[in-house]
Amino acid sequence: MASGCLSLISQNRSRVDAAVARLEDAFGRPHLHAGVGIRPFGRYLELRAGLDLRVLFLPEGGDLFLMCVGNHDEIRSYVKGNP
């Protein structure tokens, strides 16, 4: 895993928790995806947890697996190393 994907400070953890809660409410309802900040990123889905914080999920078999949390560059690096 990329170093930016390993740990979160408390403030970022709260932002990620809030974003994941929004994702749970919006997933499967495509018209809400844009408002929540979900977008495809390769085989993954990227969710904004703030201007500088992203959450990367892998959709598989109807489930979503959290893969990485980081800024845009860290997410991009993770996706590049895990296509």
N, C-alpha and C. Protein backbone atom coordinates (compact mmCIF):
# COMPACT_ATOMS: atom_id res chain seq x y z
N MET A 1 0.82 -1.18 0.00
CA MET A 1 0.00 0.00 0.00
C MET A 1 0.87 1.25 0.00
N ALA A 2 0.35 2.29 -0.63
CA ALA A 2 1.07 3.56 -0.62
C ALA A 2 1.06 4.13 0.79
N SER A 3 2.10 4.87 1.15
CA SER A 3 2.21 5.38 2.51
C SER A 3 1.04 6.26 2.90
N GLY A 4 0.48 7.02 1.98
CA GLY A 4 -0.65 7.87 2.28
C GLY A 4 -1.93 7.10 2.55
N CYS A 5 -1.91 5.82 2.29
CA CYS A 5 -3.10 5.00 2.46
C CYS A 5 -3.09 4.24 3.78
N LEU A 6 -2.14 4.48 4.64
CA LEU A 6 -2.00 3.66 5.84
C LEU A 6 -2.71 4.20 7.07
N SER A 7 -2.65 5.48 7.32
CA SER A 7 -3.21 5.99 8.56
C SER A 7 -3.88 7.34 8.34
N LEU A 8 -4.78 7.67 9.26
CA LEU A 8 -5.50 8.94 9.19
C LEU A 8 -5.41 9.65 10.53
N ILE A 9 -5.24 10.95 10.46
CA ILE A 9 -5.35 11.71 11.70
C ILE A 9 -6.84 11.80 12.05
N SER A 10 -7.15 12.12 13.26
CA SER A 10 -8.53 12.12 13.74
C SER A 10 -9.46 12.98 12.90
N GLN A 11 -9.01 14.17 12.52
CA GLN A 11 -9.84 15.07 11.72
C GLN A 11 -10.19 14.43 10.38
N ASN A 12 -9.21 13.83 9.73
CA ASN A 12 -9.47 13.19 8.44
C ASN A 12 -10.35 11.96 8.61
N ARG A 13 -10.19 11.24 9.70
CA ARG A 13 -11.03 10.06 9.94
C ARG A 13 -12.50 10.48 10.01
N SER A 14 -12.78 11.59 10.66
CA SER A 14 -14.15 12.10 10.76
C SER A 14 -14.69 12.46 9.38
N ARG A 15 -13.85 13.08 8.56
CA ARG A 15 -14.27 13.46 7.20
C ARG A 15 -14.55 12.22 6.36
N VAL A 16 -13.70 11.20 6.51
CA VAL A 16 -13.91 9.95 5.76
C VAL A 16 -15.18 9.27 6.24
N ASP A 17 -15.40 9.20 7.54
CA ASP A 17 -16.62 8.58 8.08
C ASP A 17 -17.87 9.27 7.54
N ALA A 18 -17.85 10.60 7.49
CA ALA A 18 -19.00 11.35 6.98
C ALA A 18 -19.22 11.08 5.49
N ALA A 19 -18.13 11.02 4.73
CA ALA A 19 -18.24 10.75 3.29
C ALA A 19 -18.78 9.35 3.04
N VAL A 20 -18.32 8.38 3.83
CA VAL A 20 -18.80 7.01 3.66
C VAL A 20 -20.29 6.93 4.00
N ALA A 21 -20.73 7.66 5.00
CA ALA A 21 -22.16 7.68 5.34
C ALA A 21 -22.97 8.25 4.18
N ARG A 22 -22.46 9.31 3.53
CA ARG A 22 -23.15 9.87 2.35
C ARG A 22 -23.16 8.86 1.22
N LEU A 23 -22.07 8.12 1.06
CA LEU A 23 -21.99 7.11 0.01
C LEU A 23 -23.04 6.03 0.24
N GLU A 24 -23.19 5.58 1.47
CA GLU A 24 -24.18 4.55 1.77
C GLU A 24 -25.59 4.99 1.39
N ASP A 25 -25.89 6.27 1.61
CA ASP A 25 -27.21 6.81 1.27
C ASP A 25 -27.41 6.95 -0.24
N ALA A 26 -26.34 7.26 -0.96
CA ALA A 26 -26.46 7.60 -2.38
C ALA A 26 -26.17 6.43 -3.32
N PHE A 27 -25.43 5.43 -2.87
CA PHE A 27 -25.00 4.38 -3.79
C PHE A 27 -26.21 3.63 -4.34
N GLY A 28 -26.19 3.42 -5.65
CA GLY A 28 -27.31 2.79 -6.33
C GLY A 28 -28.36 3.78 -6.78
N ARG A 29 -28.14 5.04 -6.49
CA ARG A 29 -29.04 6.12 -6.92
C ARG A 29 -28.22 7.10 -7.74
N PRO A 30 -28.02 6.80 -9.04
CA PRO A 30 -27.07 7.54 -9.88
C PRO A 30 -27.23 9.05 -9.89
N HIS A 31 -28.45 9.55 -9.74
CA HIS A 31 -28.63 11.00 -9.78
C HIS A 31 -28.02 11.69 -8.56
N LEU A 32 -27.81 10.95 -7.49
CA LEU A 32 -27.19 11.53 -6.30
C LEU A 32 -25.67 11.43 -6.32
N HIS A 33 -25.12 10.58 -7.18
CA HIS A 33 -23.67 10.36 -7.20
C HIS A 33 -22.89 11.65 -7.38
N ALA A 34 -23.32 12.49 -8.30
CA ALA A 34 -22.57 13.72 -8.58
C ALA A 34 -22.57 14.64 -7.36
N GLY A 35 -23.70 14.74 -6.68
CA GLY A 35 -23.79 15.61 -5.51
C GLY A 35 -22.94 15.12 -4.35
N VAL A 36 -22.75 13.82 -4.27
CA VAL A 36 -21.95 13.23 -3.20
C VAL A 36 -20.47 13.26 -3.55
N GLY A 37 -20.17 13.33 -4.83
CA GLY A 37 -18.78 13.40 -5.27
C GLY A 37 -18.21 12.05 -5.64
N ILE A 38 -19.04 11.15 -6.17
CA ILE A 38 -18.57 9.84 -6.62
C ILE A 38 -18.23 9.93 -8.10
N ARG A 39 -17.07 9.39 -8.45
CA ARG A 39 -16.72 9.33 -9.87
C ARG A 39 -15.88 8.09 -10.13
N PRO A 40 -15.99 7.55 -11.34
CA PRO A 40 -15.16 6.38 -11.67
C PRO A 40 -13.69 6.78 -11.79
N PHE A 41 -12.83 5.89 -11.37
CA PHE A 41 -11.38 6.11 -11.46
C PHE A 41 -10.77 4.75 -11.80
N GLY A 42 -10.65 4.47 -13.10
CA GLY A 42 -10.22 3.14 -13.52
C GLY A 42 -11.29 2.13 -13.12
N ARG A 43 -10.88 1.03 -12.50
CA ARG A 43 -11.87 0.03 -12.06
C ARG A 43 -12.44 0.36 -10.68
N TYR A 44 -12.02 1.47 -10.14
CA TYR A 44 -12.41 1.91 -8.80
C TYR A 44 -13.45 3.01 -8.86
N LEU A 45 -13.97 3.37 -7.70
CA LEU A 45 -14.79 4.56 -7.54
C LEU A 45 -14.08 5.47 -6.55
N GLU A 46 -14.04 6.74 -6.88
CA GLU A 46 -13.42 7.73 -6.01
C GLU A 46 -14.52 8.58 -5.39
N LEU A 47 -14.40 8.84 -4.10
CA LEU A 47 -15.35 9.63 -3.35
C LEU A 47 -14.61 10.79 -2.70
N ARG A 48 -15.12 11.99 -2.87
CA ARG A 48 -14.51 13.15 -2.21
C ARG A 48 -14.92 13.19 -0.75
N ALA A 49 -13.94 13.35 0.12
CA ALA A 49 -14.20 13.52 1.55
C ALA A 49 -13.80 14.94 1.96
N GLY A 50 -13.59 15.79 0.99
CA GLY A 50 -13.17 17.16 1.18
C GLY A 50 -12.41 17.62 -0.05
N LEU A 51 -11.97 18.86 -0.06
CA LEU A 51 -11.26 19.37 -1.23
C LEU A 51 -9.95 18.63 -1.46
N ASP A 52 -9.30 18.20 -0.40
CA ASP A 52 -7.97 17.60 -0.52
C ASP A 52 -7.92 16.14 -0.08
N LEU A 53 -9.07 15.51 0.14
CA LEU A 53 -9.08 14.15 0.65
C LEU A 53 -10.03 13.29 -0.18
N ARG A 54 -9.53 12.16 -0.63
CA ARG A 54 -10.30 11.25 -1.47
C ARG A 54 -10.33 9.86 -0.82
N VAL A 55 -11.41 9.13 -1.10
CA VAL A 55 -11.56 7.76 -0.63
C VAL A 55 -11.76 6.90 -1.87
N LEU A 56 -10.98 5.84 -1.98
CA LEU A 56 -11.04 4.97 -3.14
C LEU A 56 -11.70 3.65 -2.76
N PHE A 57 -12.72 3.27 -3.53
CA PHE A 57 -13.45 2.03 -3.30
C PHE A 57 -13.33 1.13 -4.51
N LEU A 58 -13.43 -0.17 -4.27
CA LEU A 58 -13.50 -1.15 -5.34
C LEU A 58 -14.88 -1.79 -5.27
N PRO A 59 -15.72 -1.58 -6.30
CA PRO A 59 -17.02 -2.25 -6.32
C PRO A 59 -16.83 -3.68 -6.81
N GLU A 60 -17.38 -4.62 -6.07
CA GLU A 60 -17.23 -6.03 -6.45
C GLU A 60 -18.41 -6.83 -5.90
N GLY A 61 -19.14 -7.47 -6.79
CA GLY A 61 -20.23 -8.33 -6.38
C GLY A 61 -21.30 -7.63 -5.55
N GLY A 62 -21.58 -6.37 -5.83
CA GLY A 62 -22.59 -5.64 -5.09
C GLY A 62 -22.08 -5.02 -3.80
N ASP A 63 -20.81 -5.26 -3.46
CA ASP A 63 -20.21 -4.69 -2.27
C ASP A 63 -19.18 -3.64 -2.66
N LEU A 64 -18.85 -2.77 -1.72
CA LEU A 64 -17.81 -1.77 -1.92
C LEU A 64 -16.71 -2.01 -0.90
N PHE A 65 -15.48 -2.10 -1.37
CA PHE A 65 -14.33 -2.32 -0.50
C PHE A 65 -13.47 -1.07 -0.49
N LEU A 66 -13.23 -0.51 0.70
CA LEU A 66 -12.38 0.66 0.83
C LEU A 66 -10.94 0.22 0.57
N MET A 67 -10.29 0.88 -0.37
CA MET A 67 -8.94 0.48 -0.77
C MET A 67 -7.87 1.46 -0.31
N CYS A 68 -8.19 2.76 -0.33
CA CYS A 68 -7.16 3.75 -0.05
C CYS A 68 -7.82 5.08 0.29
N VAL A 69 -7.16 5.83 1.16
CA VAL A 69 -7.58 7.19 1.49
C VAL A 69 -6.35 8.08 1.33
N GLY A 70 -6.51 9.19 0.63
CA GLY A 70 -5.38 10.09 0.44
C GLY A 70 -5.77 11.28 -0.40
N ASN A 71 -4.78 12.08 -0.75
CA ASN A 71 -5.05 13.21 -1.64
C ASN A 71 -5.09 12.70 -3.09
N HIS A 72 -5.33 13.59 -4.01
CA HIS A 72 -5.47 13.19 -5.41
C HIS A 72 -4.23 12.44 -5.91
N ASP A 73 -3.06 12.95 -5.60
CA ASP A 73 -1.83 12.32 -6.08
C ASP A 73 -1.63 10.93 -5.49
N GLU A 74 -1.96 10.76 -4.21
CA GLU A 74 -1.82 9.45 -3.56
C GLU A 74 -2.80 8.44 -4.15
N ILE A 75 -4.02 8.89 -4.42
CA ILE A 75 -5.02 8.00 -5.03
C ILE A 75 -4.57 7.62 -6.43
N ARG A 76 -4.10 8.59 -7.18
CA ARG A 76 -3.64 8.32 -8.54
C ARG A 76 -2.48 7.32 -8.55
N SER A 77 -1.56 7.50 -7.63
CA SER A 77 -0.42 6.59 -7.50
C SER A 77 -0.88 5.18 -7.13
N TYR A 78 -1.85 5.08 -6.23
CA TYR A 78 -2.38 3.77 -5.83
C TYR A 78 -3.01 3.07 -7.04
N VAL A 79 -3.84 3.80 -7.78
CA VAL A 79 -4.51 3.21 -8.94
C VAL A 79 -3.49 2.78 -9.99
N LYS A 80 -2.48 3.60 -10.20
CA LYS A 80 -1.45 3.28 -11.19
C LYS A 80 -0.71 2.00 -10.80
N GLY A 81 -0.48 1.80 -9.50
CA GLY A 81 0.22 0.61 -9.03
C GLY A 81 -0.67 -0.61 -8.85
N ASN A 82 -1.99 -0.40 -8.91
CA ASN A 82 -2.96 -1.48 -8.71
C ASN A 82 -4.09 -1.37 -9.74
N PRO A 83 -3.73 -1.53 -11.03
CA PRO A 83 -4.73 -1.28 -12.10
C PRO A 83 -5.93 -2.21 -12.08
